[in-house]
PDB file of all heavy atoms in Angstrom:
ATOM      1  N   LEU A   1      -5.914 -96.109  -6.037  1.00  0.00           N
ATOM      2  CA  LEU A   1      -5.759 -95.188  -7.146  1.00  0.00           C
ATOM      3  C   LEU A   1      -7.113 -94.833  -7.746  1.00  0.00           C
ATOM      4  O   LEU A   1      -8.023 -95.664  -7.802  1.00  0.00           O
ATOM      5  CB  LEU A   1      -4.886 -95.811  -8.239  1.00  0.00           C
ATOM      6  CG  LEU A   1      -3.506 -96.329  -7.815  1.00  0.00           C
ATOM      7  CD1 LEU A   1      -2.786 -96.914  -9.022  1.00  0.00           C
ATOM      8  CD2 LEU A   1      -2.672 -95.246  -7.162  1.00  0.00           C
ATOM      9  N   ILE A   2      -7.235 -93.593  -8.212  1.00  0.00           N
ATOM     10  CA  ILE A   2      -8.389 -93.171  -8.998  1.00  0.00           C
ATOM     11  C   ILE A   2      -7.869 -92.652 -10.330  1.00  0.00           C
ATOM     12  O   ILE A   2      -6.800 -92.037 -10.397  1.00  0.00           O
ATOM     13  CB  ILE A   2      -9.242 -92.114  -8.270  1.00  0.00           C
ATOM     14  CG1 ILE A   2      -8.433 -90.850  -7.972  1.00  0.00           C
ATOM     15  CG2 ILE A   2      -9.820 -92.704  -6.992  1.00  0.00           C
ATOM     16  CD1 ILE A   2      -9.277 -89.713  -7.394  1.00  0.00           C
ATOM     17  N   GLU A   3      -8.642 -92.896 -11.404  1.00  0.00           N
ATOM     18  CA  GLU A   3      -8.141 -92.611 -12.747  1.00  0.00           C
ATOM     19  C   GLU A   3      -9.143 -91.803 -13.560  1.00  0.00           C
ATOM     20  O   GLU A   3     -10.271 -92.264 -13.780  1.00  0.00           O
ATOM     21  CB  GLU A   3      -7.862 -93.925 -13.485  1.00  0.00           C
ATOM     22  CG  GLU A   3      -7.377 -93.734 -14.909  1.00  0.00           C
ATOM     23  CD  GLU A   3      -7.305 -95.040 -15.688  1.00  0.00           C
ATOM     24  OE1 GLU A   3      -7.964 -96.022 -15.288  1.00  0.00           O
ATOM     25  OE2 GLU A   3      -6.596 -95.058 -16.708  1.00  0.00           O
ATOM     26  N   PRO A   4      -8.754 -90.648 -14.045  1.00  0.00           N
ATOM     27  CA  PRO A   4      -9.582 -89.954 -15.040  1.00  0.00           C
ATOM     28  C   PRO A   4      -9.591 -90.729 -16.357  1.00  0.00           C
ATOM     29  O   PRO A   4      -8.532 -91.137 -16.849  1.00  0.00           O
ATOM     30  CB  PRO A   4      -8.884 -88.599 -15.203  1.00  0.00           C
ATOM     31  CG  PRO A   4      -8.033 -88.440 -13.979  1.00  0.00           C
ATOM     32  CD  PRO A   4      -7.590 -89.827 -13.631  1.00  0.00           C
ATOM     33  N   ILE A   5     -10.774 -90.937 -16.921  1.00  0.00           N
ATOM     34  CA  ILE A   5     -10.942 -91.733 -18.137  1.00  0.00           C
ATOM     35  C   ILE A   5     -11.687 -90.898 -19.172  1.00  0.00           C
ATOM     36  O   ILE A   5     -12.668 -90.224 -18.839  1.00  0.00           O
ATOM     37  CB  ILE A   5     -11.698 -93.032 -17.830  1.00  0.00           C
ATOM     38  CG1 ILE A   5     -10.887 -93.899 -16.855  1.00  0.00           C
ATOM     39  CG2 ILE A   5     -11.999 -93.812 -19.115  1.00  0.00           C
ATOM     40  CD1 ILE A   5     -11.588 -95.170 -16.418  1.00  0.00           C
ATOM     41  N   ASN A   6     -11.252 -90.976 -20.417  1.00  0.00           N
ATOM     42  CA  ASN A   6     -11.866 -90.132 -21.439  1.00  0.00           C
ATOM     43  C   ASN A   6     -13.284 -90.589 -21.768  1.00  0.00           C
ATOM     44  O   ASN A   6     -13.616 -91.772 -21.697  1.00  0.00           O
ATOM     45  CB  ASN A   6     -10.984 -90.076 -22.692  1.00  0.00           C
ATOM     46  CG  ASN A   6     -11.160 -91.276 -23.603  1.00  0.00           C
ATOM     47  OD1 ASN A   6     -12.143 -91.369 -24.343  1.00  0.00           O
ATOM     48  ND2 ASN A   6     -10.203 -92.205 -23.561  1.00  0.00           N
ATOM     49  N   GLY A   7     -14.116 -89.623 -22.124  1.00  0.00           N
ATOM     50  CA  GLY A   7     -15.522 -89.891 -22.380  1.00  0.00           C
ATOM     51  C   GLY A   7     -15.815 -90.518 -23.723  1.00  0.00           C
ATOM     52  O   GLY A   7     -16.948 -90.942 -23.962  1.00  0.00           O
ATOM     53  N   ARG A   8     -14.833 -90.595 -24.591  1.00  0.00           N
ATOM     54  CA  ARG A   8     -15.026 -91.286 -25.863  1.00  0.00           C
ATOM     55  C   ARG A   8     -15.008 -92.798 -25.657  1.00  0.00           C
ATOM     56  O   ARG A   8     -15.853 -93.521 -26.175  1.00  0.00           O
ATOM     57  CB  ARG A   8     -13.935 -90.876 -26.851  1.00  0.00           C
ATOM     58  CG  ARG A   8     -14.120 -91.455 -28.250  1.00  0.00           C
ATOM     59  CD  ARG A   8     -13.002 -91.008 -29.175  1.00  0.00           C
ATOM     60  NE  ARG A   8     -11.736 -91.666 -28.854  1.00  0.00           N
ATOM     61  CZ  ARG A   8     -10.548 -91.207 -29.242  1.00  0.00           C
ATOM     62  NH1 ARG A   8     -10.462 -90.076 -29.910  1.00  0.00           N
ATOM     63  NH2 ARG A   8      -9.451 -91.867 -28.937  1.00  0.00           N
ATOM     64  N   ASP A   9     -14.027 -93.283 -24.897  1.00  0.00           N
ATOM     65  CA  ASP A   9     -13.931 -94.714 -24.631  1.00  0.00           C
ATOM     66  C   ASP A   9     -14.937 -95.173 -23.585  1.00  0.00           C
ATOM     67  O   ASP A   9     -15.391 -96.313 -23.624  1.00  0.00           O
ATOM     68  CB  ASP A   9     -12.522 -95.061 -24.147  1.00  0.00           C
ATOM     69  CG  ASP A   9     -11.490 -95.041 -25.254  1.00  0.00           C
ATOM     70  OD1 ASP A   9     -11.853 -94.680 -26.394  1.00  0.00           O
ATOM     71  OD2 ASP A   9     -10.328 -95.385 -24.988  1.00  0.00           O
ATOM     72  N   MET A  10     -15.257 -94.305 -22.638  1.00  0.00           N
ATOM     73  CA  MET A  10     -16.152 -94.676 -21.548  1.00  0.00           C
ATOM     74  C   MET A  10     -17.127 -93.526 -21.282  1.00  0.00           C
ATOM     75  O   MET A  10     -16.978 -92.769 -20.324  1.00  0.00           O
ATOM     76  CB  MET A  10     -15.349 -95.018 -20.283  1.00  0.00           C
ATOM     77  CG  MET A  10     -16.099 -95.852 -19.270  1.00  0.00           C
ATOM     78  SD  MET A  10     -15.028 -96.413 -17.900  1.00  0.00           S
ATOM     79  CE  MET A  10     -14.016 -97.635 -18.752  1.00  0.00           C
ATOM     80  N   PRO A  11     -18.143 -93.381 -22.122  1.00  0.00           N
ATOM     81  CA  PRO A  11     -19.096 -92.273 -21.963  1.00  0.00           C
ATOM     82  C   PRO A  11     -19.771 -92.299 -20.594  1.00  0.00           C
ATOM     83  O   PRO A  11     -20.192 -93.358 -20.116  1.00  0.00           O
ATOM     84  CB  PRO A  11     -20.117 -92.529 -23.078  1.00  0.00           C
ATOM     85  CG  PRO A  11     -19.392 -93.364 -24.080  1.00  0.00           C
ATOM     86  CD  PRO A  11     -18.455 -94.223 -23.289  1.00  0.00           C
ATOM     87  N   GLY A  12     -19.840 -91.136 -19.973  1.00  0.00           N
ATOM     88  CA  GLY A  12     -20.525 -91.019 -18.701  1.00  0.00           C
ATOM     89  C   GLY A  12     -19.675 -91.305 -17.481  1.00  0.00           C
ATOM     90  O   GLY A  12     -20.178 -91.205 -16.348  1.00  0.00           O
ATOM     91  N   TYR A  13     -18.404 -91.653 -17.674  1.00  0.00           N
ATOM     92  CA  TYR A  13     -17.583 -91.947 -16.498  1.00  0.00           C
ATOM     93  C   TYR A  13     -17.476 -90.709 -15.608  1.00  0.00           C
ATOM     94  O   TYR A  13     -17.353 -89.585 -16.105  1.00  0.00           O
ATOM     95  CB  TYR A  13     -16.190 -92.430 -16.918  1.00  0.00           C
ATOM     96  CG  TYR A  13     -15.422 -93.052 -15.770  1.00  0.00           C
ATOM     97  CD1 TYR A  13     -15.789 -94.290 -15.264  1.00  0.00           C
ATOM     98  CD2 TYR A  13     -14.346 -92.398 -15.187  1.00  0.00           C
ATOM     99  CE1 TYR A  13     -15.103 -94.864 -14.204  1.00  0.00           C
ATOM    100  CE2 TYR A  13     -13.654 -92.963 -14.127  1.00  0.00           C
ATOM    101  CZ  TYR A  13     -14.046 -94.200 -13.642  1.00  0.00           C
ATOM    102  OH  TYR A  13     -13.375 -94.755 -12.575  1.00  0.00           O
ATOM    103  N   PHE A  14     -17.487 -90.931 -14.315  1.00  0.00           N
ATOM    104  CA  PHE A  14     -17.581 -89.826 -13.361  1.00  0.00           C
ATOM    105  C   PHE A  14     -16.391 -88.882 -13.420  1.00  0.00           C
ATOM    106  O   PHE A  14     -16.525 -87.672 -13.232  1.00  0.00           O
ATOM    107  CB  PHE A  14     -17.723 -90.390 -11.943  1.00  0.00           C
ATOM    108  CG  PHE A  14     -17.779 -89.336 -10.874  1.00  0.00           C
ATOM    109  CD1 PHE A  14     -18.958 -88.651 -10.620  1.00  0.00           C
ATOM    110  CD2 PHE A  14     -16.652 -89.007 -10.125  1.00  0.00           C
ATOM    111  CE1 PHE A  14     -19.013 -87.662  -9.647  1.00  0.00           C
ATOM    112  CE2 PHE A  14     -16.691 -88.027  -9.164  1.00  0.00           C
ATOM    113  CZ  PHE A  14     -17.882 -87.355  -8.919  1.00  0.00           C
ATOM    114  N   LEU A  15     -15.201 -89.425 -13.681  1.00  0.00           N
ATOM    115  CA  LEU A  15     -13.969 -88.652 -13.538  1.00  0.00           C
ATOM    116  C   LEU A  15     -13.277 -88.542 -14.886  1.00  0.00           C
ATOM    117  O   LEU A  15     -12.944 -89.553 -15.504  1.00  0.00           O
ATOM    118  CB  LEU A  15     -13.056 -89.365 -12.525  1.00  0.00           C
ATOM    119  CG  LEU A  15     -11.879 -88.609 -11.939  1.00  0.00           C
ATOM    120  CD1 LEU A  15     -12.338 -87.379 -11.168  1.00  0.00           C
ATOM    121  CD2 LEU A  15     -11.076 -89.540 -11.027  1.00  0.00           C
ATOM    122  N   HIS A  16     -13.038 -87.306 -15.344  1.00  0.00           N
ATOM    123  CA  HIS A  16     -12.444 -87.085 -16.667  1.00  0.00           C
ATOM    124  C   HIS A  16     -11.091 -86.394 -16.630  1.00  0.00           C
ATOM    125  O   HIS A  16     -10.226 -86.705 -17.443  1.00  0.00           O
ATOM    126  CB  HIS A  16     -13.376 -86.219 -17.532  1.00  0.00           C
ATOM    127  CG  HIS A  16     -14.628 -86.883 -17.953  1.00  0.00           C
ATOM    128  ND1 HIS A  16     -14.650 -87.951 -18.810  1.00  0.00           N
ATOM    129  CD2 HIS A  16     -15.915 -86.635 -17.626  1.00  0.00           C
ATOM    130  CE1 HIS A  16     -15.897 -88.337 -19.015  1.00  0.00           C
ATOM    131  NE2 HIS A  16     -16.681 -87.559 -18.304  1.00  0.00           N
ATOM    132  N   ARG A  17     -10.900 -85.435 -15.750  1.00  0.00           N
ATOM    133  CA  ARG A  17      -9.756 -84.544 -15.853  1.00  0.00           C
ATOM    134  C   ARG A  17      -8.795 -84.725 -14.674  1.00  0.00           C
ATOM    135  O   ARG A  17      -9.190 -85.056 -13.557  1.00  0.00           O
ATOM    136  CB  ARG A  17     -10.215 -83.090 -15.935  1.00  0.00           C
ATOM    137  CG  ARG A  17     -11.176 -82.826 -17.102  1.00  0.00           C
ATOM    138  CD  ARG A  17     -11.485 -81.350 -17.267  1.00  0.00           C
ATOM    139  NE  ARG A  17     -10.309 -80.617 -17.729  1.00  0.00           N
ATOM    140  CZ  ARG A  17      -9.978 -80.470 -19.012  1.00  0.00           C
ATOM    141  NH1 ARG A  17     -10.725 -80.995 -19.968  1.00  0.00           N
ATOM    142  NH2 ARG A  17      -8.900 -79.787 -19.348  1.00  0.00           N
ATOM    143  N   GLN A  18      -7.511 -84.464 -14.955  1.00  0.00           N
ATOM    144  CA  GLN A  18      -6.480 -84.628 -13.933  1.00  0.00           C
ATOM    145  C   GLN A  18      -6.725 -83.715 -12.728  1.00  0.00           C
ATOM    146  O   GLN A  18      -6.579 -84.139 -11.582  1.00  0.00           O
ATOM    147  CB  GLN A  18      -5.102 -84.341 -14.538  1.00  0.00           C
ATOM    148  CG  GLN A  18      -4.733 -85.240 -15.699  1.00  0.00           C
ATOM    149  CD  GLN A  18      -4.779 -86.710 -15.365  1.00  0.00           C
ATOM    150  OE1 GLN A  18      -4.227 -87.145 -14.350  1.00  0.00           O
ATOM    151  NE2 GLN A  18      -5.433 -87.485 -16.211  1.00  0.00           N
ATOM    152  N   ALA A  19      -7.097 -82.469 -12.977  1.00  0.00           N
ATOM    153  CA  ALA A  19      -7.303 -81.534 -11.873  1.00  0.00           C
ATOM    154  C   ALA A  19      -8.415 -82.016 -10.944  1.00  0.00           C
ATOM    155  O   ALA A  19      -8.334 -81.845  -9.716  1.00  0.00           O
ATOM    156  CB  ALA A  19      -7.629 -80.145 -12.406  1.00  0.00           C
ATOM    157  N   GLU A  20      -9.455 -82.622 -11.523  1.00  0.00           N
ATOM    158  CA  GLU A  20     -10.549 -83.152 -10.704  1.00  0.00           C
ATOM    159  C   GLU A  20     -10.045 -84.269  -9.799  1.00  0.00           C
ATOM    160  O   GLU A  20     -10.399 -84.332  -8.616  1.00  0.00           O
ATOM    161  CB  GLU A  20     -11.667 -83.677 -11.605  1.00  0.00           C
ATOM    162  CG  GLU A  20     -12.357 -82.622 -12.450  1.00  0.00           C
ATOM    163  CD  GLU A  20     -13.271 -83.218 -13.492  1.00  0.00           C
ATOM    164  OE1 GLU A  20     -13.152 -84.427 -13.783  1.00  0.00           O
ATOM    165  OE2 GLU A  20     -14.111 -82.471 -14.027  1.00  0.00           O
ATOM    166  N   ALA A  21      -9.244 -85.151 -10.367  1.00  0.00           N
ATOM    167  CA  ALA A  21      -8.722 -86.265  -9.579  1.00  0.00           C
ATOM    168  C   ALA A  21      -7.817 -85.774  -8.456  1.00  0.00           C
ATOM    169  O   ALA A  21      -7.912 -86.239  -7.311  1.00  0.00           O
ATOM    170  CB  ALA A  21      -7.968 -87.232 -10.486  1.00  0.00           C
ATOM    171  N   HIS A  22      -6.947 -84.832  -8.757  1.00  0.00           N
ATOM    172  CA  HIS A  22      -6.045 -84.317  -7.725  1.00  0.00           C
ATOM    173  C   HIS A  22      -6.816 -83.569  -6.639  1.00  0.00           C
ATOM    174  O   HIS A  22      -6.456 -83.644  -5.454  1.00  0.00           O
ATOM    175  CB  HIS A  22      -4.977 -83.426  -8.362  1.00  0.00           C
ATOM    176  CG  HIS A  22      -3.892 -84.209  -9.037  1.00  0.00           C
ATOM    177  ND1 HIS A  22      -2.735 -84.582  -8.394  1.00  0.00           N
ATOM    178  CD2 HIS A  22      -3.815 -84.725 -10.286  1.00  0.00           C
ATOM    179  CE1 HIS A  22      -1.973 -85.269  -9.219  1.00  0.00           C
ATOM    180  NE2 HIS A  22      -2.608 -85.373 -10.383  1.00  0.00           N
ATOM    181  N   ALA A  23      -7.877 -82.873  -7.026  1.00  0.00           N
ATOM    182  CA  ALA A  23      -8.693 -82.182  -6.026  1.00  0.00           C
ATOM    183  C   ALA A  23      -9.354 -83.176  -5.083  1.00  0.00           C
ATOM    184  O   ALA A  23      -9.424 -82.949  -3.864  1.00  0.00           O
ATOM    185  CB  ALA A  23      -9.751 -81.323  -6.719  1.00  0.00           C
ATOM    186  N   ILE A  24      -9.827 -84.291  -5.619  1.00  0.00           N
ATOM    187  CA  ILE A  24     -10.454 -85.316  -4.783  1.00  0.00           C
ATOM    188  C   ILE A  24      -9.435 -85.941  -3.841  1.00  0.00           C
ATOM    189  O   ILE A  24      -9.703 -86.130  -2.645  1.00  0.00           O
ATOM    190  CB  ILE A  24     -11.133 -86.367  -5.677  1.00  0.00           C
ATOM    191  CG1 ILE A  24     -12.408 -85.779  -6.287  1.00  0.00           C
ATOM    192  CG2 ILE A  24     -11.457 -87.641  -4.895  1.00  0.00           C
ATOM    193  CD1 ILE A  24     -13.012 -86.602  -7.384  1.00  0.00           C
ATOM    194  N   VAL A  25      -8.263 -86.257  -4.361  1.00  0.00           N
ATOM    195  CA  VAL A  25      -7.209 -86.825  -3.521  1.00  0.00           C
ATOM    196  C   VAL A  25      -6.869 -85.874  -2.372  1.00  0.00           C
ATOM    197  O   VAL A  25      -6.737 -86.285  -1.210  1.00  0.00           O
ATOM    198  CB  VAL A  25      -5.961 -87.150  -4.365  1.00  0.00           C
ATOM    199  CG1 VAL A  25      -4.748 -87.413  -3.474  1.00  0.00           C
ATOM    200  CG2 VAL A  25      -6.234 -88.347  -5.267  1.00  0.00           C
ATOM    201  N   GLN A  26      -6.741 -84.598  -2.676  1.00  0.00           N
ATOM    202  CA  GLN A  26      -6.411 -83.628  -1.640  1.00  0.00           C
ATOM    203  C   GLN A  26      -7.557 -83.472  -0.645  1.00  0.00           C
ATOM    204  O   GLN A  26      -7.317 -83.308   0.564  1.00  0.00           O
ATOM    205  CB  GLN A  26      -6.060 -82.292  -2.283  1.00  0.00           C
ATOM    206  CG  GLN A  26      -4.729 -82.306  -3.030  1.00  0.00           C
ATOM    207  CD  GLN A  26      -4.436 -80.980  -3.706  1.00  0.00           C
ATOM    208  OE1 GLN A  26      -5.062 -80.622  -4.701  1.00  0.00           O
ATOM    209  NE2 GLN A  26      -3.477 -80.255  -3.170  1.00  0.00           N
ATOM    210  N   GLU A  27      -8.790 -83.508  -1.126  1.00  0.00           N
ATOM    211  CA  GLU A  27      -9.928 -83.343  -0.229  1.00  0.00           C
ATOM    212  C   GLU A  27     -10.072 -84.532   0.713  1.00  0.00           C
ATOM    213  O   GLU A  27     -10.364 -84.369   1.899  1.00  0.00           O
ATOM    214  CB  GLU A  27     -11.212 -83.160  -1.046  1.00  0.00           C
ATOM    215  CG  GLU A  27     -12.396 -82.693  -0.219  1.00  0.00           C
ATOM    216  CD  GLU A  27     -13.544 -82.200  -1.075  1.00  0.00           C
ATOM    217  OE1 GLU A  27     -13.313 -81.891  -2.267  1.00  0.00           O
ATOM    218  OE2 GLU A  27     -14.667 -82.132  -0.549  1.00  0.00           O
ATOM    219  N   VAL A  28      -9.866 -85.736   0.198  1.00  0.00           N
ATOM    220  CA  VAL A  28      -9.926 -86.913   1.067  1.00  0.00           C
ATOM    221  C   VAL A  28      -8.785 -86.876   2.079  1.00  0.00           C
ATOM    222  O   VAL A  28      -8.963 -87.190   3.259  1.00  0.00           O
ATOM    223  CB  VAL A  28      -9.883 -88.205   0.236  1.00  0.00           C
ATOM    224  CG1 VAL A  28      -9.749 -89.435   1.138  1.00  0.00           C
ATOM    225  CG2 VAL A  28     -11.152 -88.327  -0.621  1.00  0.00           C
ATOM    226  N   GLY A  29      -7.609 -86.505   1.618  1.00  0.00           N
ATOM    227  CA  GLY A  29      -6.494 -86.287   2.526  1.00  0.00           C
ATOM    228  C   GLY A  29      -5.804 -87.533   3.030  1.00  0.00           C
ATOM    229  O   GLY A  29      -5.047 -87.466   3.999  1.00  0.00           O
ATOM    230  N   ALA A  30      -6.034 -88.665   2.390  1.00  0.00           N
ATOM    231  CA  ALA A  30      -5.373 -89.907   2.802  1.00  0.00           C
ATOM    232  C   ALA A  30      -4.068 -90.062   2.029  1.00  0.00           C
ATOM    233  O   ALA A  30      -4.069 -89.995   0.796  1.00  0.00           O
ATOM    234  CB  ALA A  30      -6.283 -91.097   2.537  1.00  0.00           C
ATOM    235  N   PRO A  31      -2.940 -90.275   2.701  1.00  0.00           N
ATOM    236  CA  PRO A  31      -1.667 -90.351   1.993  1.00  0.00           C
ATOM    237  C   PRO A  31      -1.551 -91.526   1.033  1.00  0.00           C
ATOM    238  O   PRO A  31      -0.698 -91.514   0.140  1.00  0.00           O
ATOM    239  CB  PRO A  31      -0.633 -90.453   3.121  1.00  0.00           C
ATOM    240  CG  PRO A  31      -1.398 -90.926   4.306  1.00  0.00           C
ATOM    241  CD  PRO A  31      -2.770 -90.393   4.164  1.00  0.00           C
ATOM    242  N   ASN A  32      -2.399 -92.541   1.207  1.00  0.00           N
ATOM    243  CA  ASN A  32      -2.340 -93.706   0.327  1.00  0.00           C
ATOM    244  C   ASN A  32      -3.422 -93.680  -0.761  1.00  0.00           C
ATOM    245  O   ASN A  32      -3.677 -94.694  -1.406  1.00  0.00           O
ATOM    246  CB  ASN A  32      -2.441 -95.002   1.118  1.00  0.00           C
ATOM    247  CG  ASN A  32      -3.786 -95.168   1.822  1.00  0.00           C
ATOM    248  OD1 ASN A  32      -4.369 -94.196   2.303  1.00  0.00           O
ATOM    249  ND2 ASN A  32      -4.280 -96.389   1.896  1.00  0.00           N
ATOM    250  N   LEU A  33      -4.052 -92.535  -0.970  1.00  0.00           N
ATOM    251  CA  LEU A  33      -4.961 -92.340  -2.101  1.00  0.00           C
ATOM    252  C   LEU A  33      -4.237 -91.496  -3.144  1.00  0.00           C
ATOM    253  O   LEU A  33      -3.814 -90.376  -2.851  1.00  0.00           O
ATOM    254  CB  LEU A  33      -6.250 -91.651  -1.660  1.00  0.00           C
ATOM    255  CG  LEU A  33      -7.262 -91.379  -2.778  1.00  0.00           C
ATOM    256  CD1 LEU A  33      -7.775 -92.679  -3.386  1.00  0.00           C
ATOM    257  CD2 LEU A  33      -8.419 -90.533  -2.255  1.00  0.00           C
ATOM    258  N   LYS A  34      -4.093 -92.045  -4.361  1.00  0.00           N
ATOM    259  CA  LYS A  34      -3.297 -91.378  -5.384  1.00  0.00           C
ATOM    260  C   LYS A  34      -3.996 -91.427  -6.738  1.00  0.00           C
ATOM    261  O   LYS A  34      -5.033 -92.065  -6.898  1.00  0.00           O
ATOM    262  CB  LYS A  34      -1.908 -92.027  -5.459  1.00  0.00           C
ATOM    263  CG  LYS A  34      -1.122 -91.897  -4.157  1.00  0.00           C
ATOM    264  CD  LYS A  34       0.274 -92.446  -4.252  1.00  0.00           C
ATOM    265  CE  LYS A  34       1.033 -92.251  -2.942  1.00  0.00           C
ATOM    266  NZ  LYS A  34       2.425 -92.751  -3.021  1.00  0.00           N
ATOM    267  N   VAL A  35      -3.388 -90.749  -7.690  1.00  0.00           N
ATOM    268  CA  VAL A  35      -3.941 -90.651  -9.039  1.00  0.00           C
ATOM    269  C   VAL A  35      -3.222 -91.630  -9.963  1.00  0.00           C
ATOM    270  O   VAL A  35      -1.999 -91.778  -9.910  1.00  0.00           O
ATOM    271  CB  VAL A  35      -3.800 -89.220  -9.589  1.00  0.00           C
ATOM    272  CG1 VAL A  35      -4.285 -89.143 -11.046  1.00  0.00           C
ATOM    273  CG2 VAL A  35      -4.573 -88.231  -8.714  1.00  0.00           C
ATOM    274  N   GLN A  36      -3.995 -92.288 -10.793  1.00  0.00           N
ATOM    275  CA  GLN A  36      -3.481 -93.131 -11.859  1.00  0.00           C
ATOM    276  C   GLN A  36      -3.536 -92.308 -13.140  1.00  0.00           C
ATOM    277  O   GLN A  36      -4.609 -92.046 -13.673  1.00  0.00           O
ATOM    278  CB  GLN A  36      -4.345 -94.386 -11.969  1.00  0.00           C
ATOM    279  CG  GLN A  36      -3.924 -95.386 -13.017  1.00  0.00           C
ATOM    280  CD  GLN A  36      -4.742 -96.661 -12.907  1.00  0.00           C
ATOM    281  OE1 GLN A  36      -4.989 -97.159 -11.798  1.00  0.00           O
ATOM    282  NE2 GLN A  36      -5.193 -97.188 -14.022  1.00  0.00           N
ATOM    283  N   LEU A  37      -2.392 -91.886 -13.618  1.00  0.00           N
ATOM    284  CA  LEU A  37      -2.304 -90.999 -14.779  1.00  0.00           C
ATOM    285  C   LEU A  37      -2.072 -91.831 -16.032  1.00  0.00           C
ATOM    286  O   LEU A  37      -0.960 -92.309 -16.290  1.00  0.00           O
ATOM    287  CB  LEU A  37      -1.178 -89.984 -14.581  1.00  0.00           C
ATOM    288  CG  LEU A  37      -0.778 -89.121 -15.788  1.00  0.00           C
ATOM    289  CD1 LEU A  37      -1.970 -88.427 -16.414  1.00  0.00           C
ATOM    290  CD2 LEU A  37       0.287 -88.102 -15.368  1.00  0.00           C
ATOM    291  N   ASP A  38      -3.127 -92.021 -16.789  1.00  0.00           N
ATOM    292  CA  ASP A  38      -3.048 -92.720 -18.063  1.00  0.00           C
ATOM    293  C   ASP A  38      -2.834 -91.667 -19.147  1.00  0.00           C
ATOM    294  O   ASP A  38      -3.722 -90.856 -19.418  1.00  0.00           O
ATOM    295  CB  ASP A  38      -4.336 -93.511 -18.302  1.00  0.00           C
ATOM    296  CG  ASP A  38      -4.250 -94.419 -19.519  1.00  0.00           C
ATOM    297  OD1 ASP A  38      -3.675 -93.989 -20.533  1.00  0.00           O
ATOM    298  OD2 ASP A  38      -4.774 -95.546 -19.460  1.00  0.00           O
ATOM    299  N   LEU A  39      -1.669 -91.693 -19.756  1.00  0.00           N
ATOM    300  CA  LEU A  39      -1.320 -90.661 -20.731  1.00  0.00           C
ATOM    301  C   LEU A  39      -2.196 -90.736 -21.981  1.00  0.00           C
ATOM    302  O   LEU A  39      -2.410 -89.720 -22.651  1.00  0.00           O
ATOM    303  CB  LEU A  39       0.159 -90.776 -21.090  1.00  0.00           C
ATOM    304  CG  LEU A  39       1.112 -90.525 -19.907  1.00  0.00           C
ATOM    305  CD1 LEU A  39       2.543 -90.844 -20.306  1.00  0.00           C
ATOM    306  CD2 LEU A  39       1.003 -89.095 -19.410  1.00  0.00           C
ATOM    307  N   TYR A  40      -2.712 -91.918 -22.287  1.00  0.00           N
ATOM    308  CA  TYR A  40      -3.656 -92.061 -23.405  1.00  0.00           C
ATOM    309  C   TYR A  40      -4.935 -91.281 -23.119  1.00  0.00           C
ATOM    310  O   TYR A  40      -5.372 -90.459 -23.926  1.00  0.00           O
ATOM    311  CB  TYR A  40      -3.946 -93.553 -23.610  1.00  0.00           C
ATOM    312  CG  TYR A  40      -5.150 -93.856 -24.467  1.00  0.00           C
ATOM    313  CD1 TYR A  40      -5.080 -93.794 -25.857  1.00  0.00           C
ATOM    314  CD2 TYR A  40      -6.361 -94.227 -23.881  1.00  0.00           C
ATOM    315  CE1 TYR A  40      -6.185 -94.086 -26.648  1.00  0.00           C
ATOM    316  CE2 TYR A  40      -7.467 -94.525 -24.658  1.00  0.00           C
ATOM    317  CZ  TYR A  40      -7.381 -94.456 -26.041  1.00  0.00           C
ATOM    318  OH  TYR A  40      -8.485 -94.739 -26.809  1.00  0.00           O
ATOM    319  N   HIS A  41      -5.548 -91.519 -21.965  1.00  0.00           N
ATOM    320  CA  HIS A  41      -6.777 -90.804 -21.617  1.00  0.00           C
ATOM    321  C   HIS A  41      -6.521 -89.304 -21.496  1.00  0.00           C
ATOM    322  O   HIS A  41      -7.317 -88.485 -21.965  1.00  0.00           O
ATOM    323  CB  HIS A  41      -7.346 -91.332 -20.302  1.00  0.00           C
ATOM    324  CG  HIS A  41      -7.876 -92.728 -20.383  1.00  0.00           C
ATOM    325  ND1 HIS A  41      -8.847 -93.105 -21.278  1.00  0.00           N
ATOM    326  CD2 HIS A  41      -7.585 -93.832 -19.658  1.00  0.00           C
ATOM    327  CE1 HIS A  41      -9.128 -94.391 -21.113  1.00  0.00           C
ATOM    328  NE2 HIS A  41      -8.370 -94.849 -20.143  1.00  0.00           N
ATOM    329  N   CYS A  42      -5.415 -88.950 -20.881  1.00  0.00           N
ATOM    330  CA  CYS A  42      -5.116 -87.538 -20.644  1.00  0.00           C
ATOM    331  C   CYS A  42      -4.922 -86.794 -21.962  1.00  0.00           C
ATOM    332  O   CYS A  42      -5.394 -85.660 -22.119  1.00  0.00           O
ATOM    333  CB  CYS A  42      -3.881 -87.418 -19.762  1.00  0.00           C
ATOM    334  SG  CYS A  42      -3.475 -85.729 -19.277  1.00  0.00           S
ATOM    335  N   GLN A  43      -4.236 -87.414 -22.918  1.00  0.00           N
ATOM    336  CA  GLN A  43      -4.030 -86.763 -24.208  1.00  0.00           C
ATOM    337  C   GLN A  43      -5.357 -86.512 -24.907  1.00  0.00           C
ATOM    338  O   GLN A  43      -5.571 -85.442 -25.501  1.00  0.00           O
ATOM    339  CB  GLN A  43      -3.122 -87.632 -25.090  1.00  0.00           C
ATOM    340  CG  GLN A  43      -2.981 -87.157 -26.529  1.00  0.00           C
ATOM    341  CD  GLN A  43      -2.228 -85.843 -26.665  1.00  0.00           C
ATOM    342  OE1 GLN A  43      -1.674 -85.325 -25.703  1.00  0.00           O
ATOM    343  NE2 GLN A  43      -2.186 -85.319 -27.879  1.00  0.00           N
ATOM    344  N   ILE A  44      -6.275 -87.463 -24.844  1.00  0.00           N
ATOM    345  CA  ILE A  44      -7.566 -87.305 -25.510  1.00  0.00           C
ATOM    346  C   ILE A  44      -8.395 -86.203 -24.853  1.00  0.00           C
ATOM    347  O   ILE A  44      -9.041 -85.399 -25.538  1.00  0.00           O
ATOM    348  CB  ILE A  44      -8.330 -88.645 -25.511  1.00  0.00           C
ATOM    349  CG1 ILE A  44      -7.615 -89.649 -26.427  1.00  0.00           C
ATOM    350  CG2 ILE A  44      -9.785 -88.459 -25.945  1.00  0.00           C
ATOM    351  CD1 ILE A  44      -8.143 -91.051 -26.338  1.00  0.00           C
ATOM    352  N   VAL A  45      -8.361 -86.122 -23.534  1.00  0.00           N
ATOM    353  CA  VAL A  45      -9.214 -85.167 -22.824  1.00  0.00           C
ATOM    354  C   VAL A  45      -8.614 -83.771 -22.809  1.00  0.00           C
ATOM    355  O   VAL A  45      -9.313 -82.775 -23.054  1.00  0.00           O
ATOM    356  CB  VAL A  45      -9.475 -85.648 -21.383  1.00  0.00           C
ATOM    357  CG1 VAL A  45     -10.258 -84.598 -20.595  1.00  0.00           C
ATOM    358  CG2 VAL A  45     -10.230 -86.969 -21.393  1.00  0.00           C
TER     359      VAL A  45
END
């Protein structure tokens, strides 16, 4: 799993937004690579 994390709690983290995470998952193309959707982080971002 890869997780977008908000920049307030973790400044500088590489991945912030859901669309970015889904684009990476699709680009890698591995069926066992998925997104961890944290509704707390997503609401803030």
